[in-house]
Amino acid sequence: MPFHLNHLPERTEKPRDHGITMVLDKGLSTRQAEDLCETSVGLIDMVKLGWGTSCVSRNLDKKLQIYRKWNIPVFMGGTLLEACLLRDQLEHYIETLKQLEIGYVEISDGTVRLSEKRKLELINRLSRHFTVLSEIGSKDPDEVIPPYIWVEKIEKELDAGSWKVICEARESGSVGVFRPNGEVRAGLIEEITTRISPRNLIFEAPRKEQQAWFVRKFGSNVNLGNIQPSEVIPVETLRLGLRSETLLAFGSPIDAFRENPGIHGNGTISQETE
């Protein structure tokens, strides 16, 4: 870092168990993937190849090689697994992941509804061969899951073998833990994290205001998912209090105000001290 700033929040280091940034790749070219890794490798913990995009990406093998070269784990979006389950092709899915040397798997039922027993069986079985990320929350904006159900499901899926549980938001950030307008369902998050450590959760938060809310709520090392490639560095500035939305959440602003009375609580500087 070319600038030395005091009181920056401490970030975990890779490989991280928390403080994770999960990036959504919706079809990057090999050049774009290489550029992304070159500029942000230290900030990216894993890449999700969104929904079924890996089935139609012509450059899949080359792109996997790039991510592997930069030591960034990759996994397929849970919707692809749902598509395979719908067609009774689970074994084919598992074998393909092994052939592609992919060590992570997402298990979701946001569209294809699985019984609780079936989903837990999948988590238990696949966790013997892969690092499992299970996902909770419907992709239907009209379906609202009560908080106690969220808690029960998360606890059971962690017990079944999930490494982390992803809290659904989709690419749009308008379902699951968010209302259709993108507003955080703060009461739901509060009830979940009263029982379950945020370290065990990945909050999908594709919008800047959502990312900032989670950073202010849980600190720099909250786990965030569905981050757009172009937003990786901006998200890190939110984590470090280097963007207006989190600037006053970290550091020692009170001491700064005392040392320089020209700095106001809203972060502005009075004319006489400029």
C-alpha atoms as a PDB file:
ATOM      1  CA  MET A   1       0.000   0.000   0.000  1.00  0.00           C
ATOM      2  CA  PRO A   2       1.645   3.297  -1.089  1.00  0.00           C
ATOM      3  CA  PHE A   3      -0.042   5.275   1.707  1.00  0.00           C
ATOM      4  CA  HIS A   4       0.436   4.446   5.359  1.00  0.00           C
ATOM      5  CA  LEU A   5      -2.792   5.131   7.231  1.00  0.00           C
ATOM      6  CA  ASN A   6      -3.114   4.562  10.954  1.00  0.00           C
ATOM      7  CA  HIS A   7      -6.009   2.632  12.496  1.00  0.00           C
ATOM      8  CA  LEU A   8      -6.976   0.650   9.407  1.00  0.00           C
ATOM      9  CA  PRO A   9      -8.998  -2.395  10.456  1.00  0.00           C
ATOM     10  CA  GLU A  10      -7.061  -5.655  10.491  1.00  0.00           C
ATOM     11  CA  ARG A  11      -7.917  -7.960   7.608  1.00  0.00           C
ATOM     12  CA  THR A  12      -7.551 -11.715   7.676  1.00  0.00           C
ATOM     13  CA  GLU A  13      -5.028 -13.215   5.277  1.00  0.00           C
ATOM     14  CA  LYS A  14      -5.502 -15.858   2.615  1.00  0.00           C
ATOM     15  CA  PRO A  15      -6.394 -18.647   2.837  1.00  0.00           C
ATOM     16  CA  ARG A  16      -9.213 -17.095   4.857  1.00  0.00           C
ATOM     17  CA  ASP A  17     -11.806 -18.820   6.977  1.00  0.00           C
ATOM     18  CA  HIS A  18     -13.646 -15.510   7.338  1.00  0.00           C
ATOM     19  CA  GLY A  19     -13.411 -12.139   5.664  1.00  0.00           C
ATOM     20  CA  ILE A  20     -14.180 -13.958   2.414  1.00  0.00           C
ATOM     21  CA  THR A  21     -14.918 -12.208  -0.863  1.00  0.00           C
ATOM     22  CA  MET A  22     -16.672 -14.526  -3.289  1.00  0.00           C
ATOM     23  CA  VAL A  23     -16.748 -13.209  -6.866  1.00  0.00           C
ATOM     24  CA  LEU A  24     -19.474 -13.953  -9.401  1.00  0.00           C
ATOM     25  CA  ASP A  25     -18.146 -14.820 -12.862  1.00  0.00           C
ATOM     26  CA  LYS A  26     -21.054 -14.637 -15.314  1.00  0.00           C
ATOM     27  CA  GLY A  27     -18.978 -15.417 -18.389  1.00  0.00           C
ATOM     28  CA  LEU A  28     -15.667 -13.570 -18.245  1.00  0.00           C
ATOM     29  CA  SER A  29     -13.266 -14.069 -21.112  1.00  0.00           C
ATOM     30  CA  THR A  30      -9.888 -15.616 -20.411  1.00  0.00           C
ATOM     31  CA  ARG A  31      -8.294 -12.169 -20.773  1.00  0.00           C
ATOM     32  CA  GLN A  32     -10.774 -10.672 -18.317  1.00  0.00           C
ATOM     33  CA  ALA A  33     -10.173 -13.503 -15.843  1.00  0.00           C
ATOM     34  CA  GLU A  34      -6.400 -13.020 -16.123  1.00  0.00           C
ATOM     35  CA  ASP A  35      -6.722  -9.269 -15.624  1.00  0.00           C
ATOM     36  CA  LEU A  36      -9.005  -9.803 -12.637  1.00  0.00           C
ATOM     37  CA  CYS A  37      -6.507 -12.139 -10.997  1.00  0.00           C
ATOM     38  CA  GLU A  38      -3.578  -9.847 -11.753  1.00  0.00           C
ATOM     39  CA  THR A  39      -5.208  -6.828 -10.106  1.00  0.00           C
ATOM     40  CA  SER A  40      -7.111  -8.505  -7.273  1.00  0.00           C
ATOM     41  CA  VAL A  41      -5.700 -11.951  -6.488  1.00  0.00           C
ATOM     42  CA  GLY A  42      -5.013 -11.036  -2.856  1.00  0.00           C
ATOM     43  CA  LEU A  43      -8.615  -9.907  -2.401  1.00  0.00           C
ATOM     44  CA  ILE A  44     -10.477 -12.823  -4.040  1.00  0.00           C
ATOM     45  CA  ASP A  45     -11.083 -15.978  -2.014  1.00  0.00           C
ATOM     46  CA  MET A  46     -13.236 -17.924  -4.454  1.00  0.00           C
ATOM     47  CA  VAL A  47     -15.007 -17.554  -7.765  1.00  0.00           C
ATOM     48  CA  LYS A  48     -18.498 -18.806  -8.544  1.00  0.00           C
ATOM     49  CA  LEU A  49     -19.286 -19.573 -12.166  1.00  0.00           C
ATOM     50  CA  GLY A  50     -22.852 -18.296 -12.054  1.00  0.00           C
ATOM     51  CA  TRP A  51     -25.846 -20.628 -12.430  1.00  0.00           C
ATOM     52  CA  GLY A  52     -25.353 -22.708 -15.641  1.00  0.00           C
ATOM     53  CA  THR A  53     -22.865 -20.435 -17.437  1.00  0.00           C
ATOM     54  CA  SER A  54     -20.141 -23.093 -17.305  1.00  0.00           C
ATOM     55  CA  CYS A  55     -22.230 -25.233 -19.687  1.00  0.00           C
ATOM     56  CA  VAL A  56     -22.123 -22.622 -22.451  1.00  0.00           C
ATOM     57  CA  SER A  57     -18.711 -21.001 -21.852  1.00  0.00           C
ATOM     58  CA  ARG A  58     -16.376 -21.962 -24.699  1.00  0.00           C
ATOM     59  CA  ASN A  59     -13.298 -21.062 -22.661  1.00  0.00           C
ATOM     60  CA  LEU A  60     -14.092 -23.037 -19.500  1.00  0.00           C
ATOM     61  CA  ASP A  61     -10.957 -25.194 -19.421  1.00  0.00           C
ATOM     62  CA  LYS A  62      -8.625 -22.263 -20.097  1.00  0.00           C
ATOM     63  CA  LYS A  63     -10.353 -20.118 -17.519  1.00  0.00           C
ATOM     64  CA  LEU A  64     -10.133 -22.834 -14.877  1.00  0.00           C
ATOM     65  CA  GLN A  65      -6.411 -23.054 -15.604  1.00  0.00           C
ATOM     66  CA  ILE A  66      -6.072 -19.317 -14.988  1.00  0.00           C
ATOM     67  CA  TYR A  67      -7.857 -19.427 -11.650  1.00  0.00           C
ATOM     68  CA  ARG A  68      -5.847 -22.509 -10.685  1.00  0.00           C
ATOM     69  CA  LYS A  69      -2.581 -20.738 -11.586  1.00  0.00           C
ATOM     70  CA  TRP A  70      -3.515 -17.916  -9.215  1.00  0.00           C
ATOM     71  CA  ASN A  71      -4.656 -20.376  -6.487  1.00  0.00           C
ATOM     72  CA  ILE A  72      -8.261 -19.181  -6.499  1.00  0.00           C
ATOM     73  CA  PRO A  73     -10.850 -21.919  -5.840  1.00  0.00           C
ATOM     74  CA  VAL A  74     -13.736 -22.139  -8.304  1.00  0.00           C
ATOM     75  CA  PHE A  75     -17.180 -23.676  -7.991  1.00  0.00           C
ATOM     76  CA  MET A  76     -20.296 -23.931 -10.120  1.00  0.00           C
ATOM     77  CA  GLY A  77     -23.475 -22.086  -9.244  1.00  0.00           C
ATOM     78  CA  GLY A  78     -26.000 -24.165  -7.334  1.00  0.00           C
ATOM     79  CA  THR A  79     -28.571 -23.824 -10.116  1.00  0.00           C
ATOM     80  CA  LEU A  80     -26.437 -26.135 -12.277  1.00  0.00           C
ATOM     81  CA  LEU A  81     -26.643 -28.833  -9.626  1.00  0.00           C
ATOM     82  CA  GLU A  82     -30.408 -28.289  -9.461  1.00  0.00           C
ATOM     83  CA  ALA A  83     -30.580 -28.737 -13.246  1.00  0.00           C
ATOM     84  CA  CYS A  84     -28.696 -32.025 -12.928  1.00  0.00           C
ATOM     85  CA  LEU A  85     -30.934 -33.243 -10.116  1.00  0.00           C
ATOM     86  CA  LEU A  86     -33.974 -32.387 -12.224  1.00  0.00           C
ATOM     87  CA  ARG A  87     -32.590 -34.677 -14.937  1.00  0.00           C
ATOM     88  CA  ASP A  88     -31.395 -37.419 -12.554  1.00  0.00           C
ATOM     89  CA  GLN A  89     -27.762 -36.679 -13.491  1.00  0.00           C
ATOM     90  CA  LEU A  90     -26.175 -36.259 -10.069  1.00  0.00           C
ATOM     91  CA  GLU A  91     -23.481 -38.877 -10.736  1.00  0.00           C
ATOM     92  CA  HIS A  92     -22.565 -37.177 -13.996  1.00  0.00           C
ATOM     93  CA  TYR A  93     -22.280 -33.854 -12.167  1.00  0.00           C
ATOM     94  CA  ILE A  94     -20.001 -35.310  -9.497  1.00  0.00           C
ATOM     95  CA  GLU A  95     -17.790 -37.041 -12.042  1.00  0.00           C
ATOM     96  CA  THR A  96     -17.504 -33.874 -14.140  1.00  0.00           C
ATOM     97  CA  LEU A  97     -16.386 -31.829 -11.123  1.00  0.00           C
ATOM     98  CA  LYS A  98     -13.699 -34.402 -10.378  1.00  0.00           C
ATOM     99  CA  GLN A  99     -12.503 -34.392 -13.993  1.00  0.00           C
ATOM    100  CA  LEU A 100     -12.305 -30.591 -13.900  1.00  0.00           C
ATOM    101  CA  GLU A 101     -10.403 -30.780 -10.585  1.00  0.00           C
ATOM    102  CA  ILE A 102     -12.958 -28.595  -8.830  1.00  0.00           C
ATOM    103  CA  GLY A 103     -12.867 -29.092  -5.070  1.00  0.00           C
ATOM    104  CA  TYR A 104     -15.856 -26.961  -4.050  1.00  0.00           C
ATOM    105  CA  VAL A 105     -19.548 -27.549  -4.632  1.00  0.00           C
ATOM    106  CA  GLU A 106     -22.625 -25.436  -3.981  1.00  0.00           C
ATOM    107  CA  ILE A 107     -25.825 -27.213  -2.963  1.00  0.00           C
ATOM    108  CA  SER A 108     -28.968 -25.129  -3.321  1.00  0.00           C
ATOM    109  CA  ASP A 109     -32.688 -25.670  -3.742  1.00  0.00           C
ATOM    110  CA  GLY A 110     -33.804 -22.172  -4.616  1.00  0.00           C
ATOM    111  CA  THR A 111     -35.728 -23.305  -7.692  1.00  0.00           C
ATOM    112  CA  VAL A 112     -35.930 -27.097  -7.585  1.00  0.00           C
ATOM    113  CA  ARG A 113     -37.424 -27.780  -4.185  1.00  0.00           C
ATOM    114  CA  LEU A 114     -35.750 -30.589  -2.256  1.00  0.00           C
ATOM    115  CA  SER A 115     -37.036 -32.193   0.901  1.00  0.00           C
ATOM    116  CA  GLU A 116     -34.993 -31.349   3.956  1.00  0.00           C
ATOM    117  CA  LYS A 117     -33.912 -34.980   4.221  1.00  0.00           C
ATOM    118  CA  ARG A 118     -32.737 -35.092   0.593  1.00  0.00           C
ATOM    119  CA  LYS A 119     -30.750 -31.873   0.876  1.00  0.00           C
ATOM    120  CA  LEU A 120     -29.036 -32.942   4.087  1.00  0.00           C
ATOM    121  CA  GLU A 121     -28.177 -36.292   2.505  1.00  0.00           C
ATOM    122  CA  LEU A 122     -26.600 -34.475  -0.445  1.00  0.00           C
ATOM    123  CA  ILE A 123     -24.572 -32.249   1.864  1.00  0.00           C
ATOM    124  CA  ASN A 124     -23.388 -35.212   3.910  1.00  0.00           C
ATOM    125  CA  ARG A 125     -22.446 -37.262   0.857  1.00  0.00           C
ATOM    126  CA  LEU A 126     -20.724 -34.524  -1.146  1.00  0.00           C
ATOM    127  CA  SER A 127     -18.842 -33.189   1.886  1.00  0.00           C
ATOM    128  CA  ARG A 128     -16.828 -36.425   1.830  1.00  0.00           C
ATOM    129  CA  HIS A 129     -15.312 -35.433  -1.524  1.00  0.00           C
ATOM    130  CA  PHE A 130     -15.724 -31.646  -1.785  1.00  0.00           C
ATOM    131  CA  THR A 131     -15.824 -28.521   0.322  1.00  0.00           C
ATOM    132  CA  VAL A 132     -19.559 -27.846   0.481  1.00  0.00           C
ATOM    133  CA  LEU A 133     -21.254 -24.471   0.421  1.00  0.00           C
ATOM    134  CA  SER A 134     -24.991 -24.899   0.892  1.00  0.00           C
ATOM    135  CA  GLU A 135     -27.428 -22.120   0.155  1.00  0.00           C
ATOM    136  CA  ILE A 136     -30.639 -21.152   1.910  1.00  0.00           C
ATOM    137  CA  GLY A 137     -33.363 -18.874   0.617  1.00  0.00           C
ATOM    138  CA  SER A 138     -35.799 -18.906  -2.256  1.00  0.00           C
ATOM    139  CA  LYS A 139     -35.290 -17.149  -5.569  1.00  0.00           C
ATOM    140  CA  ASP A 140     -39.003 -16.316  -5.511  1.00  0.00           C
ATOM    141  CA  PRO A 141     -39.384 -12.725  -4.188  1.00  0.00           C
ATOM    142  CA  ASP A 142     -42.895 -13.540  -2.962  1.00  0.00           C
ATOM    143  CA  GLU A 143     -41.720 -16.376  -0.728  1.00  0.00           C
ATOM    144  CA  VAL A 144     -40.746 -15.183   2.755  1.00  0.00           C
ATOM    145  CA  ILE A 145     -39.121 -17.756   5.025  1.00  0.00           C
ATOM    146  CA  PRO A 146     -39.666 -17.100   8.767  1.00  0.00           C
ATOM    147  CA  PRO A 147     -36.461 -16.347  10.696  1.00  0.00           C
ATOM    148  CA  TYR A 148     -36.715 -19.422  12.921  1.00  0.00           C
ATOM    149  CA  ILE A 149     -36.815 -21.613   9.802  1.00  0.00           C
ATOM    150  CA  TRP A 150     -33.660 -19.934   8.487  1.00  0.00           C
ATOM    151  CA  VAL A 151     -31.923 -20.683  11.789  1.00  0.00           C
ATOM    152  CA  GLU A 152     -33.059 -24.301  11.912  1.00  0.00           C
ATOM    153  CA  LYS A 153     -32.034 -24.952   8.310  1.00  0.00           C
ATOM    154  CA  ILE A 154     -28.617 -23.319   8.715  1.00  0.00           C
ATOM    155  CA  GLU A 155     -27.851 -25.261  11.890  1.00  0.00           C
ATOM    156  CA  LYS A 156     -28.816 -28.576  10.282  1.00  0.00           C
ATOM    157  CA  GLU A 157     -26.811 -27.904   7.129  1.00  0.00           C
ATOM    158  CA  LEU A 158     -23.706 -26.974   9.077  1.00  0.00           C
ATOM    159  CA  ASP A 159     -24.095 -30.143  11.124  1.00  0.00           C
ATOM    160  CA  ALA A 160     -24.506 -32.165   7.916  1.00  0.00           C
ATOM    161  CA  GLY A 161     -21.134 -30.995   6.597  1.00  0.00           C
ATOM    162  CA  SER A 162     -21.454 -27.554   5.021  1.00  0.00           C
ATOM    163  CA  TRP A 163     -18.322 -25.447   5.399  1.00  0.00           C
ATOM    164  CA  LYS A 164     -20.324 -22.235   4.987  1.00  0.00           C
ATOM    165  CA  VAL A 165     -23.984 -21.522   4.397  1.00  0.00           C
ATOM    166  CA  ILE A 166     -24.771 -18.929   1.731  1.00  0.00           C
ATOM    167  CA  CYS A 167     -27.673 -16.591   2.463  1.00  0.00           C
ATOM    168  CA  GLU A 168     -29.550 -16.132  -0.810  1.00  0.00           C
ATOM    169  CA  ALA A 169     -29.852 -12.777  -2.556  1.00  0.00           C
ATOM    170  CA  ARG A 170     -29.374 -13.658  -6.242  1.00  0.00           C
ATOM    171  CA  GLU A 171     -27.398 -11.441  -8.593  1.00  0.00           C
ATOM    172  CA  SER A 172     -30.097  -8.790  -8.226  1.00  0.00           C
ATOM    173  CA  GLY A 173     -29.912  -8.461  -4.441  1.00  0.00           C
ATOM    174  CA  SER A 174     -33.717  -8.435  -4.212  1.00  0.00           C
ATOM    175  CA  VAL A 175     -34.692 -11.761  -2.621  1.00  0.00           C
ATOM    176  CA  GLY A 176     -33.779 -13.854   0.402  1.00  0.00           C
ATOM    177  CA  VAL A 177     -32.157 -11.623   3.016  1.00  0.00           C
ATOM    178  CA  PHE A 178     -33.268  -8.544   1.062  1.00  0.00           C
ATOM    179  CA  ARG A 179     -36.644  -7.067   0.281  1.00  0.00           C
ATOM    180  CA  PRO A 180     -37.634  -6.636  -3.396  1.00  0.00           C
ATOM    181  CA  ASN A 181     -36.348  -3.039  -3.309  1.00  0.00           C
ATOM    182  CA  GLY A 182     -32.917  -4.213  -2.119  1.00  0.00           C
ATOM    183  CA  GLU A 183     -33.368  -3.160   1.509  1.00  0.00           C
ATOM    184  CA  VAL A 184     -31.714  -5.453   4.050  1.00  0.00           C
ATOM    185  CA  ARG A 185     -34.101  -7.505   6.149  1.00  0.00           C
ATOM    186  CA  ALA A 186     -32.270  -6.341   9.258  1.00  0.00           C
ATOM    187  CA  GLY A 187     -34.542  -8.150  11.718  1.00  0.00           C
ATOM    188  CA  LEU A 188     -33.967 -11.440   9.904  1.00  0.00           C
ATOM    189  CA  ILE A 189     -30.182 -10.963   9.930  1.00  0.00           C
ATOM    190  CA  GLU A 190     -30.300 -10.085  13.634  1.00  0.00           C
ATOM    191  CA  GLU A 191     -32.253 -13.231  14.505  1.00  0.00           C
ATOM    192  CA  ILE A 192     -29.983 -15.468  12.425  1.00  0.00           C
ATOM    193  CA  THR A 193     -26.733 -14.107  13.824  1.00  0.00           C
ATOM    194  CA  THR A 194     -27.995 -14.222  17.396  1.00  0.00           C
ATOM    195  CA  ARG A 195     -27.875 -18.001  17.063  1.00  0.00           C
ATOM    196  CA  ILE A 196     -25.242 -18.540  14.368  1.00  0.00           C
ATOM    197  CA  SER A 197     -21.809 -16.956  14.028  1.00  0.00           C
ATOM    198  CA  PRO A 198     -21.459 -14.738  10.941  1.00  0.00           C
ATOM    199  CA  ARG A 199     -18.180 -16.583  10.325  1.00  0.00           C
ATOM    200  CA  ASN A 200     -20.232 -19.590   9.226  1.00  0.00           C
ATOM    201  CA  LEU A 201     -22.301 -17.550   6.771  1.00  0.00           C
ATOM    202  CA  ILE A 202     -21.674 -15.937   3.392  1.00  0.00           C
ATOM    203  CA  PHE A 203     -24.036 -13.052   2.719  1.00  0.00           C
ATOM    204  CA  GLU A 204     -24.730 -12.507  -0.965  1.00  0.00           C
ATOM    205  CA  ALA A 205     -24.571  -8.728  -1.322  1.00  0.00           C
ATOM    206  CA  PRO A 206     -24.261  -7.558  -4.924  1.00  0.00           C
ATOM    207  CA  ARG A 207     -25.115  -3.884  -4.248  1.00  0.00           C
ATOM    208  CA  LYS A 208     -22.800  -1.292  -2.709  1.00  0.00           C
ATOM    209  CA  GLU A 209     -25.281  -0.189  -0.045  1.00  0.00           C
ATOM    210  CA  GLN A 210     -25.813  -3.824   0.976  1.00  0.00           C
ATOM    211  CA  GLN A 211     -22.078  -4.487   1.201  1.00  0.00           C
ATOM    212  CA  ALA A 212     -21.608  -1.354   3.313  1.00  0.00           C
ATOM    213  CA  TRP A 213     -24.444  -2.387   5.648  1.00  0.00           C
ATOM    214  CA  PHE A 214     -22.836  -5.752   6.377  1.00  0.00           C
ATOM    215  CA  VAL A 215     -19.389  -4.226   6.879  1.00  0.00           C
ATOM    216  CA  ARG A 216     -20.785  -1.669   9.329  1.00  0.00           C
ATOM    217  CA  LYS A 217     -22.785  -4.380  11.097  1.00  0.00           C
ATOM    218  CA  PHE A 218     -20.194  -7.156  11.348  1.00  0.00           C
ATOM    219  CA  GLY A 219     -16.875  -5.489  10.612  1.00  0.00           C
ATOM    220  CA  SER A 220     -14.200  -5.764   7.949  1.00  0.00           C
ATOM    221  CA  ASN A 221     -14.058  -9.541   7.975  1.00  0.00           C
ATOM    222  CA  VAL A 222     -17.660 -10.341   7.166  1.00  0.00           C
ATOM    223  CA  ASN A 223     -18.094 -12.927   4.395  1.00  0.00           C
ATOM    224  CA  LEU A 224     -19.588 -11.420   1.224  1.00  0.00           C
ATOM    225  CA  GLY A 225     -20.714 -13.175  -1.952  1.00  0.00           C
ATOM    226  CA  ASN A 226     -21.919 -12.434  -5.481  1.00  0.00           C
ATOM    227  CA  ILE A 227     -19.427  -9.591  -5.838  1.00  0.00           C
ATOM    228  CA  GLN A 228     -19.062  -8.383  -9.408  1.00  0.00           C
ATOM    229  CA  PRO A 229     -15.487  -8.594 -10.794  1.00  0.00           C
ATOM    230  CA  SER A 230     -15.384  -4.823 -11.254  1.00  0.00           C
ATOM    231  CA  GLU A 231     -16.385  -4.352  -7.595  1.00  0.00           C
ATOM    232  CA  VAL A 232     -13.673  -6.423  -5.891  1.00  0.00           C
ATOM    233  CA  ILE A 233     -11.392  -3.474  -5.145  1.00  0.00           C
ATOM    234  CA  PRO A 234     -14.296  -1.154  -4.213  1.00  0.00           C
ATOM    235  CA  VAL A 235     -15.516  -3.808  -1.740  1.00  0.00           C
ATOM    236  CA  GLU A 236     -12.077  -3.954  -0.159  1.00  0.00           C
ATOM    237  CA  THR A 237     -12.128  -0.185   0.314  1.00  0.00           C
ATOM    238  CA  LEU A 238     -15.451  -0.590   2.126  1.00  0.00           C
ATOM    239  CA  ARG A 239     -13.848  -3.233   4.353  1.00  0.00           C
ATOM    240  CA  LEU A 240     -10.983  -0.869   5.204  1.00  0.00           C
ATOM    241  CA  GLY A 241     -13.042   2.260   5.762  1.00  0.00           C
ATOM    242  CA  LEU A 242     -11.626   3.910   2.661  1.00  0.00           C
ATOM    243  CA  ARG A 243     -14.986   4.783   1.135  1.00  0.00           C
ATOM    244  CA  SER A 244     -17.503   7.283   2.424  1.00  0.00           C
ATOM    245  CA  GLU A 245     -20.066   4.613   3.356  1.00  0.00           C
ATOM    246  CA  THR A 246     -17.699   3.119   5.987  1.00  0.00           C
ATOM    247  CA  LEU A 247     -15.179   5.921   6.509  1.00  0.00           C
ATOM    248  CA  LEU A 248     -16.362   6.699  10.046  1.00  0.00           C
ATOM    249  CA  ALA A 249     -16.871   3.057  11.003  1.00  0.00           C
ATOM    250  CA  PHE A 250     -13.151   2.435  11.595  1.00  0.00           C
ATOM    251  CA  GLY A 251     -10.080   4.255  12.829  1.00  0.00           C
ATOM    252  CA  SER A 252     -10.105   6.892  15.556  1.00  0.00           C
ATOM    253  CA  PRO A 253     -12.303   9.690  14.216  1.00  0.00           C
ATOM    254  CA  ILE A 254     -12.953  11.156  17.680  1.00  0.00           C
ATOM    255  CA  ASP A 255      -9.223  11.669  18.255  1.00  0.00           C
ATOM    256  CA  ALA A 256      -8.966  13.188  14.789  1.00  0.00           C
ATOM    257  CA  PHE A 257     -11.742  15.652  15.608  1.00  0.00           C
ATOM    258  CA  ARG A 258      -9.936  16.690  18.800  1.00  0.00           C
ATOM    259  CA  GLU A 259      -6.634  17.184  17.008  1.00  0.00           C
ATOM    260  CA  ASN A 260      -8.241  19.127  14.173  1.00  0.00           C
ATOM    261  CA  PRO A 261     -11.412  20.922  15.246  1.00  0.00           C
ATOM    262  CA  GLY A 262     -11.981  21.900  11.622  1.00  0.00           C
ATOM    263  CA  ILE A 263     -13.093  18.352  10.870  1.00  0.00           C
ATOM    264  CA  HIS A 264     -16.833  17.937  11.383  1.00  0.00           C
ATOM    265  CA  GLY A 265     -18.713  14.795  12.308  1.00  0.00           C
ATOM    266  CA  ASN A 266     -19.942  14.379   8.759  1.00  0.00           C
ATOM    267  CA  GLY A 267     -16.368  14.189   7.498  1.00  0.00           C
ATOM    268  CA  THR A 268     -16.284  17.672   5.948  1.00  0.00           C
ATOM    269  CA  ILE A 269     -13.550  20.237   6.617  1.00  0.00           C
ATOM    270  CA  SER A 270     -14.351  23.812   7.526  1.00  0.00           C
ATOM    271  CA  GLN A 271     -13.118  26.575   5.229  1.00  0.00           C
ATOM    272  CA  GLU A 272     -10.628  28.042   7.689  1.00  0.00           C
ATOM    273  CA  THR A 273      -8.684  24.770   8.044  1.00  0.00           C
ATOM    274  CA  GLU A 274      -8.475  23.804   4.361  1.00  0.00           C
END
